[in-house]
Amino acid sequence: MISCLIVDDEQGAIDILRTFIEKTPFLSLQGSTTNPIEALSMLQNQPVDLLFLDIHMPQLSGLDFMRLLKGKTKVILTTAYNEFAVEGFELEALDYLLKPIAFERFLKAAQKALNSTIEPSARWQPAEKEDDYIFVKTETKGKMTKINFAEIVFVEGMKNYLSINTSEDRIVTLLNMKDLEDRLPSKQFMRVHKSYIVALNKIKALDGNQILFKDMKAYVPLGETYRSAFFEALNEKMMGVKK
C-alpha cells in the first residue's frame, strides 16, 4: 500500500484527488492541506510514500517545496500550467498531471508510483532489442549512409527531402516524413510539428514553443497540434533525467 498526501491550494482539486485515491486500491490517503508550510510539518511528523503536489501555491511553490524535500518523498506534480514540466522532471518528479485531471490519466501516474516500488529485477524486460540503425540514400549518387538512432537529434522535413540532424552532421535524403516516423522507435522519437521529429532524450529545455537541444544552437518549434501529446511524452520518457 502506498501512503499519500495531497498539497494543493484549491480545495476543489483536493476533493477530486481524494476521490481518485479512494478508487485506487493500492493508494492510501494519509492527509491533505491547502498550506504548503503545514505540509512540511505534516511530513516531518508522518512521512508518506507519495505526494500529490500543486505548483502554483502561496508562500511556497511546488517546485521550491520539492527542493526542500531533496528526493525523500516521491512526487507527482498536479498543475494547470505545462511550462514547468521540464523543471519538474529535473527535480525528479515521478509524473506531471495537467488539470483538469482525468481518472484514467491519474491511474497511469499512480501505476508509475507502484512500479517504482518494485525491485528492478522483478520488472518486465523486453525479449528482444529493437533495431538501432538504418541506412539512407544521400545526395551523392549511389552512396548509402548508416545512421545510428542514438546519434539523431532531430529530423526536419523539406518538401520531398528530409534533413536528419545529429550533433556532428546533417544528412539530406529523399525520404517521406511519415515513412521515417514509422521506422523510428516510438519510445525514443516523437513528431512535435508537421515538419519535425525530435529525439526525446536529446532535449535540453523548452523556451516557450521552442525545443532546445544539448550541445546544439538549433531549436525546433513545438506545434500546437502536437503540444498535448508532447507533454504526455515528457511524463513517460523524461522521468528522472537530469540535464
Protein backbone atom coordinates (compact mmCIF):
# COMPACT_ATOMS: atom_id res chain seq x y z
CA MET A 1 0.00 0.00 0.00
CA ILE A 2 1.33 3.45 -0.99
CA SER A 3 0.64 6.20 1.56
CA CYS A 4 -0.24 9.61 0.06
CA LEU A 5 -0.50 13.27 0.97
CA ILE A 6 -2.26 15.92 -1.16
CA VAL A 7 -0.92 19.51 -1.15
CA ASP A 8 -2.98 21.95 -3.24
CA ASP A 9 -4.22 25.46 -2.52
CA GLU A 10 -7.61 24.68 -4.13
CA GLN A 11 -9.98 22.58 -2.03
CA GLY A 12 -11.85 21.51 -5.16
CA ALA A 13 -8.67 19.98 -6.58
CA ILE A 14 -8.04 18.18 -3.29
CA ASP A 15 -11.57 16.73 -3.35
CA ILE A 16 -11.04 15.35 -6.87
CA LEU A 17 -7.71 13.76 -5.98
CA ARG A 18 -9.18 12.32 -2.78
CA THR A 19 -11.93 10.64 -4.82
CA PHE A 20 -9.36 9.25 -7.27
CA ILE A 21 -7.18 7.90 -4.44
CA GLU A 22 -10.17 6.21 -2.80
CA LYS A 23 -10.92 4.45 -6.12
CA THR A 24 -7.33 3.17 -6.43
CA PRO A 25 -6.84 0.02 -4.34
CA PHE A 26 -3.09 0.36 -3.78
CA LEU A 27 -3.20 4.01 -2.60
CA SER A 28 -3.98 5.15 0.93
CA LEU A 29 -4.64 8.84 1.70
CA GLN A 30 -2.97 9.96 4.93
CA GLY A 31 -3.99 13.61 4.74
CA SER A 32 -4.39 16.79 2.71
CA THR A 33 -3.76 20.50 3.10
CA THR A 34 -4.04 23.77 1.20
CA ASN A 35 -0.99 25.16 3.04
CA PRO A 36 2.47 24.04 1.82
CA ILE A 37 4.13 25.18 5.07
CA GLU A 38 1.74 22.98 7.03
CA ALA A 39 2.52 20.13 4.63
CA LEU A 40 6.22 20.29 5.55
CA SER A 41 5.29 19.91 9.19
CA MET A 42 2.94 17.03 8.40
CA LEU A 43 5.71 15.21 6.53
CA GLN A 44 8.11 15.63 9.45
CA ASN A 45 5.58 14.10 11.85
CA GLN A 46 4.24 11.43 9.49
CA PRO A 47 6.31 10.69 6.35
CA VAL A 48 4.43 9.32 3.33
CA ASP A 49 5.45 7.42 0.20
CA LEU A 50 3.86 9.72 -2.36
CA LEU A 51 2.99 13.41 -2.58
CA PHE A 52 0.42 14.90 -4.98
CA LEU A 53 1.77 18.44 -5.21
CA ASP A 54 0.41 21.57 -6.87
CA ILE A 55 2.95 24.01 -8.35
CA HIS A 56 1.26 27.42 -8.00
CA MET A 57 0.66 27.93 -4.26
CA PRO A 58 1.03 30.89 -1.88
CA GLN A 59 4.06 31.14 0.40
CA LEU A 60 5.92 28.27 -1.26
CA SER A 61 5.74 26.98 -4.83
CA GLY A 62 5.56 23.26 -5.53
CA LEU A 63 8.99 23.31 -7.19
CA ASP A 64 10.57 25.04 -4.19
CA PHE A 65 8.78 22.51 -1.99
CA MET A 66 10.45 19.70 -3.94
CA ARG A 67 13.86 21.30 -3.48
CA LEU A 68 13.29 21.23 0.28
CA LEU A 69 12.26 17.56 0.12
CA LYS A 70 15.59 16.64 -1.52
CA GLY A 71 14.10 13.48 -3.02
CA LYS A 72 12.98 12.00 0.32
CA THR A 73 9.39 11.56 -0.94
CA LYS A 74 8.18 10.63 -4.43
CA VAL A 75 6.22 13.46 -6.04
CA ILE A 76 3.52 13.64 -8.69
CA LEU A 77 3.02 17.26 -9.75
CA THR A 78 -0.54 18.48 -10.37
CA THR A 79 -0.96 21.80 -12.16
CA ALA A 80 -2.84 23.73 -14.83
CA TYR A 81 0.44 25.01 -16.28
CA ASN A 82 2.51 22.84 -18.64
CA GLU A 83 5.52 25.16 -18.94
CA PHE A 84 7.10 23.77 -15.77
CA ALA A 85 7.25 20.16 -16.99
CA VAL A 86 10.97 20.08 -17.76
CA GLU A 87 11.94 21.74 -14.48
CA GLY A 88 9.68 19.31 -12.63
CA PHE A 89 11.41 16.31 -14.16
CA GLU A 90 14.84 17.83 -13.49
CA LEU A 91 13.78 17.72 -9.82
CA GLU A 92 12.88 14.05 -10.38
CA ALA A 93 9.10 14.35 -10.30
CA LEU A 94 7.56 10.92 -10.81
CA ASP A 95 4.88 12.34 -13.13
CA TYR A 96 3.27 15.61 -14.22
CA LEU A 97 -0.55 15.78 -14.31
CA LEU A 98 -2.23 18.66 -16.11
CA LYS A 99 -5.54 19.90 -14.71
CA PRO A 100 -8.33 19.07 -15.26
CA ILE A 101 -7.10 15.57 -14.46
CA ALA A 102 -8.96 12.58 -15.88
CA PHE A 103 -9.11 9.46 -13.70
CA GLU A 104 -7.56 7.32 -16.44
CA ARG A 105 -4.53 9.64 -16.56
CA PHE A 106 -4.35 9.72 -12.75
CA LEU A 107 -4.35 5.92 -12.62
CA LYS A 108 -1.48 5.80 -15.10
CA ALA A 109 0.58 8.08 -12.83
CA ALA A 110 -0.35 6.04 -9.77
CA GLN A 111 0.82 2.89 -11.55
CA LYS A 112 4.21 4.55 -12.05
CA ALA A 113 4.40 5.10 -8.30
CA LEU A 114 3.58 1.44 -7.74
CA ASN A 115 6.14 0.28 -10.31
CA SER A 116 8.82 2.45 -8.72
CA THR A 117 8.48 0.43 -5.50
CA ILE A 118 9.14 -2.88 -7.32
CA GLU A 119 12.69 -4.23 -7.42
CA PRO A 120 14.22 -3.76 -10.90
CA SER A 121 14.88 -7.49 -11.26
CA ALA A 122 11.17 -8.16 -10.87
CA ARG A 123 10.13 -5.80 -13.66
CA TRP A 124 9.29 -6.96 -17.16
CA GLN A 125 12.16 -6.81 -19.61
CA PRO A 126 11.73 -6.85 -23.40
CA ALA A 127 12.66 -10.13 -25.05
CA GLU A 128 14.49 -8.52 -27.94
CA LYS A 129 16.39 -5.32 -28.52
CA GLU A 130 14.96 -3.03 -31.19
CA ASP A 131 16.97 -2.24 -34.31
CA ASP A 132 19.20 0.71 -33.55
CA TYR A 133 20.17 1.99 -37.02
CA ILE A 134 19.05 2.48 -40.62
CA PHE A 135 20.73 3.07 -43.98
CA VAL A 136 19.58 6.01 -46.13
CA LYS A 137 20.41 7.27 -49.61
CA THR A 138 22.31 10.55 -49.64
CA GLU A 139 22.62 13.39 -52.15
CA THR A 140 25.68 11.65 -53.61
CA LYS A 141 24.56 9.19 -56.29
CA GLY A 142 25.00 5.57 -55.27
CA LYS A 143 26.01 6.42 -51.68
CA MET A 144 24.25 4.96 -48.63
CA THR A 145 24.90 6.24 -45.13
CA LYS A 146 24.37 4.37 -41.89
CA ILE A 147 22.58 6.41 -39.23
CA ASN A 148 22.50 5.23 -35.64
CA PHE A 149 19.27 6.18 -33.89
CA ALA A 150 21.27 7.15 -30.80
CA GLU A 151 23.00 9.89 -32.81
CA ILE A 152 19.87 11.57 -34.21
CA VAL A 153 18.90 14.85 -32.55
CA PHE A 154 16.03 15.91 -34.81
CA VAL A 155 14.64 15.40 -38.30
CA GLU A 156 13.38 18.26 -40.49
CA GLY A 157 11.02 17.80 -43.42
CA MET A 158 11.86 19.78 -46.59
CA LYS A 159 9.19 19.06 -49.24
CA ASN A 160 10.35 15.77 -50.80
CA TYR A 161 13.52 15.55 -48.71
CA LEU A 162 14.43 15.05 -45.07
CA SER A 163 17.31 16.57 -43.16
CA ILE A 164 18.49 14.17 -40.45
CA ASN A 165 20.47 16.17 -37.91
CA THR A 166 22.97 14.69 -35.49
CA SER A 167 25.20 16.60 -33.07
CA GLU A 168 28.02 16.46 -35.62
CA ASP A 169 26.41 16.03 -39.05
CA ARG A 170 23.45 16.75 -41.31
CA ILE A 171 22.30 14.11 -43.79
CA VAL A 172 19.85 15.06 -46.53
CA THR A 173 17.92 12.14 -48.01
CA LEU A 174 14.97 11.54 -50.34
CA LEU A 175 12.50 10.15 -47.80
CA ASN A 176 8.91 10.64 -46.70
CA MET A 177 8.44 12.04 -43.19
CA LYS A 178 5.70 9.55 -42.32
CA ASP A 179 7.77 6.58 -43.51
CA LEU A 180 10.71 7.60 -41.32
CA GLU A 181 8.44 8.34 -38.36
CA ASP A 182 7.03 4.81 -38.61
CA ARG A 183 10.55 3.35 -38.79
CA LEU A 184 11.99 5.21 -35.80
CA PRO A 185 11.46 3.66 -32.33
CA SER A 186 8.37 5.31 -30.83
CA LYS A 187 9.91 5.12 -27.36
CA GLN A 188 12.74 7.40 -28.43
CA PHE A 189 11.32 9.75 -31.08
CA MET A 190 8.25 11.94 -31.44
CA ARG A 191 6.62 14.18 -34.03
CA VAL A 192 6.35 17.66 -32.49
CA HIS A 193 5.48 19.66 -35.62
CA LYS A 194 4.27 18.80 -39.10
CA SER A 195 7.86 19.29 -40.28
CA TYR A 196 9.87 18.00 -37.30
CA ILE A 197 10.61 14.82 -35.36
CA VAL A 198 12.79 15.02 -32.23
CA ALA A 199 14.78 12.57 -30.12
CA LEU A 200 13.23 12.90 -26.66
CA ASN A 201 16.44 12.10 -24.80
CA LYS A 202 18.32 14.87 -26.62
CA ILE A 203 16.02 17.64 -25.33
CA LYS A 204 17.72 20.11 -23.03
CA ALA A 205 14.92 22.57 -22.30
CA LEU A 206 11.78 24.31 -23.51
CA ASP A 207 11.63 28.04 -24.14
CA GLY A 208 8.04 28.96 -24.90
CA ASN A 209 7.23 26.96 -28.03
CA GLN A 210 10.88 26.27 -28.83
CA ILE A 211 12.54 22.91 -28.09
CA LEU A 212 16.24 23.27 -27.32
CA PHE A 213 18.84 20.51 -27.54
CA LYS A 214 22.05 19.51 -25.79
CA ASP A 215 25.24 20.87 -27.39
CA MET A 216 23.35 22.50 -30.30
CA LYS A 217 22.36 26.06 -31.10
CA ALA A 218 19.50 24.89 -33.34
CA TYR A 219 15.97 24.63 -31.99
CA VAL A 220 12.71 23.08 -33.17
CA PRO A 221 9.24 24.67 -32.92
CA LEU A 222 6.54 22.87 -30.93
CA GLY A 223 3.34 22.82 -32.97
CA GLU A 224 0.05 23.50 -31.18
CA THR A 225 -1.48 20.33 -32.63
CA TYR A 226 1.26 18.21 -31.07
CA ARG A 227 1.55 20.06 -27.74
CA SER A 228 -0.64 17.85 -25.52
CA ALA A 229 0.90 14.63 -26.80
CA PHE A 230 4.38 16.09 -26.35
CA PHE A 231 3.85 16.86 -22.66
CA GLU A 232 2.37 13.41 -22.23
CA ALA A 233 5.60 12.07 -23.72
CA LEU A 234 7.63 14.10 -21.22
CA ASN A 235 5.78 12.32 -18.45
CA GLU A 236 6.64 8.97 -19.98
CA LYS A 237 10.15 9.49 -21.24
CA MET A 238 11.95 12.15 -19.20
CA MET A 239 11.33 10.95 -15.68
CA GLY A 240 14.37 11.49 -13.51
CA VAL A 241 16.55 12.73 -16.39
CA LYS A 242 18.93 15.47 -15.26
CA LYS A 243 20.12 17.94 -17.84
